[in-house]
C-alpha cells in the first residue's frame, strides 16, 4: 500500500513531498507513542512483574514499541536517501539520468520499504490478541462463547499478515529494484491481503468490543437492580466503560484506514499516509488502556 520512490526526474519532487508528509506524520505519532510506552512500562514495573498479566503486557509493550522504533528509524533513512537522490538531480540532471535507471523504482535503501511496511502489520496481531485476551478475562461467562468469532478473525488476521510478509519477501527476491506489474500475482495478492487483514482486524475488534459492551450493560443493570437508590457508577462500571470507549475509538481508527485505503491520490492512496498512524495506534492501544485505567484509579481516591 505504500508508494515506492520514483527515480524518474518527473516524479522526484512529488515523491519527496509525499515522503516528507508521511515522515512528519509518522514522527509525531511515534513521539506520542514513545511517551505512552515509557509511562506504561514504568507503571508495570511499579506494580511488579510477578503476575502473568503484567509479564505478558510488558513483553508485548516493549516488543511492539521496538518494532515501531525500528520502522521509524528506517523511515528516516529512507527519507534521507530520497533527499540525496533529489539533490543529485538538482546538481546535475544529465548525470542523474545516467546514474539512476529510469526503469528502476527502488535503490539499495528504498527496496526494503515494502517489506518494512508489511512487517509493521505485526502490531495488529499483538494488539488484537491483547484485546481478545482482555475481553475473555472481563466478559461474563455466558458471553464468552461469542468470543469464538473474535478468535477466528484474529487467526485470519494473523494468517493474512503472515502471507503479506511472505509475498513481500518473494517480491523482494524476484524484483528488488523494479516494481512488479499489476498483473503479477504478487502485486494483486498483496493488495487483497492488505485489505483483508485490515478488515479481519476490524471485525475482530468490533466483536470483542461488543461482548465487553454487553458485559458492561449487564453488570450495570444488575447493580442498579440490587441498589436502586445508588445512582453512582461502581469502579467496575467505570473500568468497563473505559474499555468499551477505548475499543470503540480503536475500531473507528481501523474503519478509517480501511476507507482511506480505497481513496486514490496522485501518488498512492490516502491509506499510505493513515496506515502510518494506525500501526502506531495499534502498538500504543494496550498502553493507552492501561494508563486510562490507572488514571481512573487515581481519580477515585
Protein backbone atom coordinates (compact mmCIF):
# COMPACT_ATOMS: atom_id res chain seq x y z
CA UNK A 1 0.00 0.00 0.00
CA UNK A 2 2.91 2.31 0.50
CA UNK A 3 4.25 4.09 -2.50
CA UNK A 4 7.76 3.46 -3.67
CA UNK A 5 10.31 6.04 -4.60
CA UNK A 6 10.40 7.11 -8.20
CA UNK A 7 13.77 7.67 -9.81
CA UNK A 8 12.30 9.35 -12.89
CA UNK A 9 13.01 13.12 -12.93
CA UNK A 10 9.33 14.00 -13.35
CA UNK A 11 8.32 12.16 -10.20
CA UNK A 12 11.14 13.09 -7.83
CA UNK A 13 9.65 16.32 -6.45
CA UNK A 14 6.19 14.81 -5.93
CA UNK A 15 7.71 11.75 -4.31
CA UNK A 16 9.76 13.92 -1.94
CA UNK A 17 6.69 15.94 -0.89
CA UNK A 18 4.74 12.78 -0.09
CA UNK A 19 7.73 11.28 1.72
CA UNK A 20 8.21 14.35 3.91
CA UNK A 21 4.49 14.41 4.74
CA UNK A 22 4.49 10.74 5.70
CA UNK A 23 7.62 11.12 7.83
CA UNK A 24 6.26 14.20 9.62
CA UNK A 25 3.00 12.44 10.48
CA UNK A 26 4.81 9.26 11.48
CA UNK A 27 7.30 11.14 13.67
CA UNK A 28 4.55 12.99 15.54
CA UNK A 29 2.60 9.85 16.38
CA UNK A 30 5.77 7.90 17.16
CA UNK A 31 6.70 10.62 19.65
CA UNK A 32 3.30 10.31 21.34
CA UNK A 33 3.64 6.53 21.29
CA UNK A 34 7.09 6.79 22.91
CA UNK A 35 5.69 8.77 25.84
CA UNK A 36 2.82 6.30 26.30
CA UNK A 37 5.16 3.29 26.10
CA UNK A 38 7.54 4.71 28.72
CA UNK A 39 4.68 5.57 31.08
CA UNK A 40 3.01 2.16 30.71
CA UNK A 41 6.25 0.20 31.21
CA UNK A 42 7.06 2.36 34.23
CA UNK A 43 3.63 1.63 35.67
CA UNK A 44 4.01 -2.11 35.07
CA UNK A 45 7.43 -2.14 36.73
CA UNK A 46 5.99 -0.37 39.76
CA UNK A 47 3.25 -2.98 40.00
CA UNK A 48 5.80 -5.75 39.65
CA UNK A 49 6.09 -8.47 37.04
CA UNK A 50 5.13 -11.37 39.28
CA UNK A 51 1.68 -11.80 37.75
CA UNK A 52 1.30 -13.37 34.32
CA UNK A 53 -0.85 -10.48 33.08
CA UNK A 54 1.77 -7.83 33.87
CA UNK A 55 4.53 -10.02 32.44
CA UNK A 56 2.67 -10.53 29.15
CA UNK A 57 1.71 -6.86 28.89
CA UNK A 58 5.28 -5.69 29.47
CA UNK A 59 6.68 -8.04 26.81
CA UNK A 60 4.05 -7.02 24.24
CA UNK A 61 4.51 -3.32 25.01
CA UNK A 62 8.28 -3.47 24.63
CA UNK A 63 8.19 -5.65 21.50
CA UNK A 64 5.65 -3.52 19.63
CA UNK A 65 7.49 -0.36 20.60
CA UNK A 66 10.84 -1.71 19.39
CA UNK A 67 9.18 -2.73 16.14
CA UNK A 68 7.77 0.78 15.70
CA UNK A 69 11.13 2.33 16.62
CA UNK A 70 12.90 0.21 14.01
CA UNK A 71 10.34 1.19 11.41
CA UNK A 72 10.66 4.89 12.25
CA UNK A 73 14.47 4.67 12.05
CA UNK A 74 14.23 3.06 8.62
CA UNK A 75 11.72 5.73 7.51
CA UNK A 76 14.23 8.46 8.43
CA UNK A 77 16.97 6.67 6.47
CA UNK A 78 14.62 6.20 3.52
CA UNK A 79 13.71 9.90 3.51
CA UNK A 80 17.38 10.91 3.66
CA UNK A 81 18.06 8.61 0.71
CA UNK A 82 15.25 10.22 -1.29
CA UNK A 83 16.66 13.64 -0.38
CA UNK A 84 20.07 12.52 -1.63
CA UNK A 85 18.54 11.46 -4.94
CA UNK A 86 16.72 14.79 -5.25
CA UNK A 87 19.88 16.83 -4.53
CA UNK A 88 21.80 14.74 -7.05
CA UNK A 89 19.14 15.53 -9.64
CA UNK A 90 19.26 19.29 -8.91
CA UNK A 91 23.04 19.41 -9.18
CA UNK A 92 23.37 17.53 -12.45
CA UNK A 93 20.21 16.29 -14.23
CA UNK A 94 22.25 14.73 -17.05
CA UNK A 95 24.46 12.75 -14.69
CA UNK A 96 21.34 11.76 -12.75
CA UNK A 97 19.83 10.14 -15.83
CA UNK A 98 22.98 8.13 -16.42
CA UNK A 99 23.38 7.15 -12.76
CA UNK A 100 19.81 6.15 -11.93
CA UNK A 101 17.95 3.83 -14.25
CA UNK A 102 14.56 5.22 -15.28
CA UNK A 103 13.22 1.67 -15.27
CA UNK A 104 14.06 1.30 -11.58
CA UNK A 105 11.60 2.24 -8.82
CA UNK A 106 13.90 1.42 -5.89
CA UNK A 107 17.52 1.77 -4.87
CA UNK A 108 19.58 -0.04 -2.24
CA UNK A 109 17.67 1.67 0.60
CA UNK A 110 14.20 2.07 -0.87
CA UNK A 111 13.88 -1.55 -1.95
CA UNK A 112 13.25 -2.52 1.70
CA UNK A 113 10.31 -0.15 2.14
CA UNK A 114 7.52 -2.59 1.09
CA UNK A 115 8.87 -5.27 3.42
CA UNK A 116 9.12 -2.87 6.37
CA UNK A 117 5.55 -1.73 5.71
CA UNK A 118 4.40 -5.34 5.84
CA UNK A 119 6.40 -6.10 8.99
CA UNK A 120 4.70 -3.23 10.83
CA UNK A 121 1.36 -5.01 10.39
CA UNK A 122 2.53 -7.40 13.11
CA UNK A 123 1.42 -4.68 15.54
CA UNK A 124 -2.17 -5.56 14.60
CA UNK A 125 -1.66 -9.17 15.68
CA UNK A 126 -0.30 -8.25 19.11
CA UNK A 127 -2.87 -5.54 19.70
CA UNK A 128 -5.80 -7.71 18.63
CA UNK A 129 -4.53 -10.64 20.70
CA UNK A 130 -4.45 -8.44 23.80
CA UNK A 131 -7.96 -7.18 23.01
CA UNK A 132 -9.28 -10.76 22.78
CA UNK A 133 -7.42 -11.82 25.93
CA UNK A 134 -8.71 -8.82 27.86
CA UNK A 135 -12.27 -9.41 26.63
CA UNK A 136 -12.09 -13.06 27.71
CA UNK A 137 -10.98 -12.10 31.22
CA UNK A 138 -13.54 -9.37 31.94
CA UNK A 139 -16.55 -10.65 29.99
CA UNK A 140 -19.43 -12.51 31.60
CA UNK A 141 -19.04 -16.27 31.21
CA UNK A 142 -22.29 -16.58 29.29
CA UNK A 143 -20.95 -14.19 26.65
CA UNK A 144 -17.54 -15.81 26.22
CA UNK A 145 -18.86 -18.22 23.60
CA UNK A 146 -19.27 -15.25 21.25
CA UNK A 147 -15.55 -14.57 21.52
CA UNK A 148 -15.02 -17.64 19.32
CA UNK A 149 -15.96 -15.36 16.42
CA UNK A 150 -13.41 -12.82 17.63
CA UNK A 151 -10.76 -15.52 17.92
CA UNK A 152 -11.50 -16.77 14.40
CA UNK A 153 -10.98 -13.33 12.89
CA UNK A 154 -7.84 -12.87 14.98
CA UNK A 155 -6.44 -16.05 13.41
CA UNK A 156 -7.45 -14.82 9.94
CA UNK A 157 -5.73 -11.51 10.66
CA UNK A 158 -2.54 -13.31 11.65
CA UNK A 159 -2.68 -15.57 8.58
CA UNK A 160 -3.21 -12.72 6.09
CA UNK A 161 -0.45 -10.62 7.68
CA UNK A 162 1.94 -13.58 7.56
CA UNK A 163 1.07 -14.15 3.90
CA UNK A 164 1.58 -10.44 3.19
CA UNK A 165 5.09 -10.59 4.66
CA UNK A 166 5.88 -13.77 2.70
CA UNK A 167 4.64 -12.19 -0.54
CA UNK A 168 6.77 -9.10 0.12
CA UNK A 169 9.85 -11.26 0.68
CA UNK A 170 9.24 -13.16 -2.56
CA UNK A 171 8.73 -9.89 -4.44
CA UNK A 172 11.95 -8.51 -2.96
CA UNK A 173 13.87 -11.57 -4.15
CA UNK A 174 12.28 -11.65 -7.62
CA UNK A 175 12.46 -7.92 -8.33
CA UNK A 176 14.42 -5.93 -5.73
CA UNK A 177 14.65 -2.69 -7.70
CA UNK A 178 11.77 -2.57 -10.18
CA UNK A 179 8.10 -2.67 -9.19
CA UNK A 180 6.25 -5.75 -10.39
CA UNK A 181 3.42 -5.22 -12.92
CA UNK A 182 -0.15 -5.07 -11.60
CA UNK A 183 -0.93 -8.30 -13.44
CA UNK A 184 1.64 -10.18 -11.34
CA UNK A 185 0.09 -12.44 -8.70
CA UNK A 186 2.32 -10.94 -6.01
CA UNK A 187 1.07 -7.41 -6.68
CA UNK A 188 -2.66 -8.06 -6.66
CA UNK A 189 -2.20 -10.73 -3.99
CA UNK A 190 -0.63 -8.21 -1.61
CA UNK A 191 -3.39 -5.68 -2.36
CA UNK A 192 -6.08 -8.23 -1.48
CA UNK A 193 -4.24 -9.47 1.61
CA UNK A 194 -3.70 -5.98 2.99
CA UNK A 195 -7.37 -5.05 2.64
CA UNK A 196 -8.31 -8.43 4.12
CA UNK A 197 -6.10 -8.14 7.21
CA UNK A 198 -7.43 -4.65 7.94
CA UNK A 199 -11.00 -5.90 7.54
CA UNK A 200 -10.44 -9.01 9.68
CA UNK A 201 -8.75 -6.94 12.38
CA UNK A 202 -11.67 -4.51 12.39
CA UNK A 203 -14.25 -7.29 12.72
CA UNK A 204 -12.20 -8.91 15.50
CA UNK A 205 -12.13 -5.67 17.48
CA UNK A 206 -15.77 -4.85 16.81
CA UNK A 207 -16.92 -8.24 18.08
CA UNK A 208 -14.67 -8.08 21.16
CA UNK A 209 -15.87 -4.56 21.98
CA UNK A 210 -19.49 -5.67 21.53
CA UNK A 211 -19.02 -8.55 24.00
CA UNK A 212 -17.38 -6.25 26.57
CA UNK A 213 -20.14 -3.69 25.98
CA UNK A 214 -22.81 -6.32 26.61
CA UNK A 215 -20.99 -7.33 29.80
CA UNK A 216 -20.85 -3.70 30.96
CA UNK A 217 -24.57 -3.22 30.29
CA UNK A 218 -25.47 -6.45 32.13
CA UNK A 219 -23.28 -5.54 35.10
CA UNK A 220 -24.73 -2.05 35.36
CA UNK A 221 -28.29 -3.36 35.14
CA UNK A 222 -27.67 -5.92 37.90
CA UNK A 223 -26.10 -3.29 40.18
CA UNK A 224 -28.97 -0.87 39.60
CA UNK A 225 -31.48 -3.63 40.34
CA UNK A 226 -29.73 -4.54 43.59
CA UNK A 227 -29.11 -0.95 44.72
CA UNK A 228 -31.91 1.12 43.20
CA UNK A 229 -31.16 4.14 45.39
CA UNK A 230 -27.48 4.29 44.45
CA UNK A 231 -27.07 6.04 41.08
CA UNK A 232 -23.30 6.30 41.31
CA UNK A 233 -21.29 4.11 38.97
CA UNK A 234 -19.11 1.50 40.61
CA UNK A 235 -15.40 1.14 39.93
CA UNK A 236 -16.09 -1.92 37.79
CA UNK A 237 -18.61 0.09 35.75
CA UNK A 238 -16.05 2.82 35.16
CA UNK A 239 -13.36 0.37 34.06
CA UNK A 240 -15.75 -1.46 31.72
CA UNK A 241 -16.85 1.87 30.26
CA UNK A 242 -13.23 2.88 29.64
CA UNK A 243 -12.52 -0.42 27.90
CA UNK A 244 -15.63 -0.10 25.71
CA UNK A 245 -14.96 3.55 24.82
CA UNK A 246 -11.30 2.95 24.00
CA UNK A 247 -12.26 -0.13 21.98
CA UNK A 248 -14.83 1.88 20.03
CA UNK A 249 -12.22 4.54 19.28
CA UNK A 250 -9.78 1.90 18.06
CA UNK A 251 -12.48 0.42 15.81
CA UNK A 252 -13.13 3.88 14.33
CA UNK A 253 -9.41 4.16 13.54
CA UNK A 254 -9.48 0.73 11.86
CA UNK A 255 -12.52 1.69 9.79
CA UNK A 256 -10.80 4.93 8.79
CA UNK A 257 -7.71 3.16 7.47
CA UNK A 258 -9.91 0.71 5.55
CA UNK A 259 -11.79 3.55 3.84
CA UNK A 260 -8.59 5.56 3.32
CA UNK A 261 -7.02 2.59 1.52
CA UNK A 262 -9.71 2.92 -1.16
CA UNK A 263 -9.12 6.65 -1.72
CA UNK A 264 -6.69 7.16 -4.58
CA UNK A 265 -4.23 10.06 -4.56
CA UNK A 266 -1.95 11.25 -7.38
CA UNK A 267 0.80 9.32 -5.62
CA UNK A 268 -0.54 6.17 -3.95
CA UNK A 269 -3.58 6.18 -1.65
CA UNK A 270 -4.70 8.08 1.43
CA UNK A 271 -4.23 4.80 3.26
CA UNK A 272 -0.47 5.04 2.64
CA UNK A 273 -0.42 8.03 4.98
CA UNK A 274 -3.04 6.95 7.51
CA UNK A 275 -1.63 3.44 7.84
CA UNK A 276 1.49 5.02 9.35
CA UNK A 277 -0.80 6.46 12.03
CA UNK A 278 -2.89 3.35 12.55
CA UNK A 279 0.03 0.99 13.11
CA UNK A 280 1.29 3.36 15.82
CA UNK A 281 -2.20 3.42 17.36
CA UNK A 282 -2.32 -0.39 17.23
CA UNK A 283 1.01 -0.62 19.03
CA UNK A 284 0.06 2.01 21.62
CA UNK A 285 -3.50 0.79 22.20
CA UNK A 286 -2.72 -1.63 25.09
CA UNK A 287 -0.63 1.10 26.76
CA UNK A 288 -3.47 3.59 26.38
CA UNK A 289 -5.96 1.24 28.05
CA UNK A 290 -3.57 0.55 30.94
CA UNK A 291 -2.93 4.25 31.53
CA UNK A 292 -6.63 5.16 31.31
CA UNK A 293 -7.49 2.56 33.93
CA UNK A 294 -4.63 3.78 36.12
CA UNK A 295 -5.78 7.41 35.82
CA UNK A 296 -9.30 6.33 36.67
CA UNK A 297 -7.99 4.56 39.79
CA UNK A 298 -6.16 7.72 40.88
CA UNK A 299 -9.24 9.85 40.26
CA UNK A 300 -11.35 7.69 42.58
CA UNK A 301 -9.05 8.26 45.55
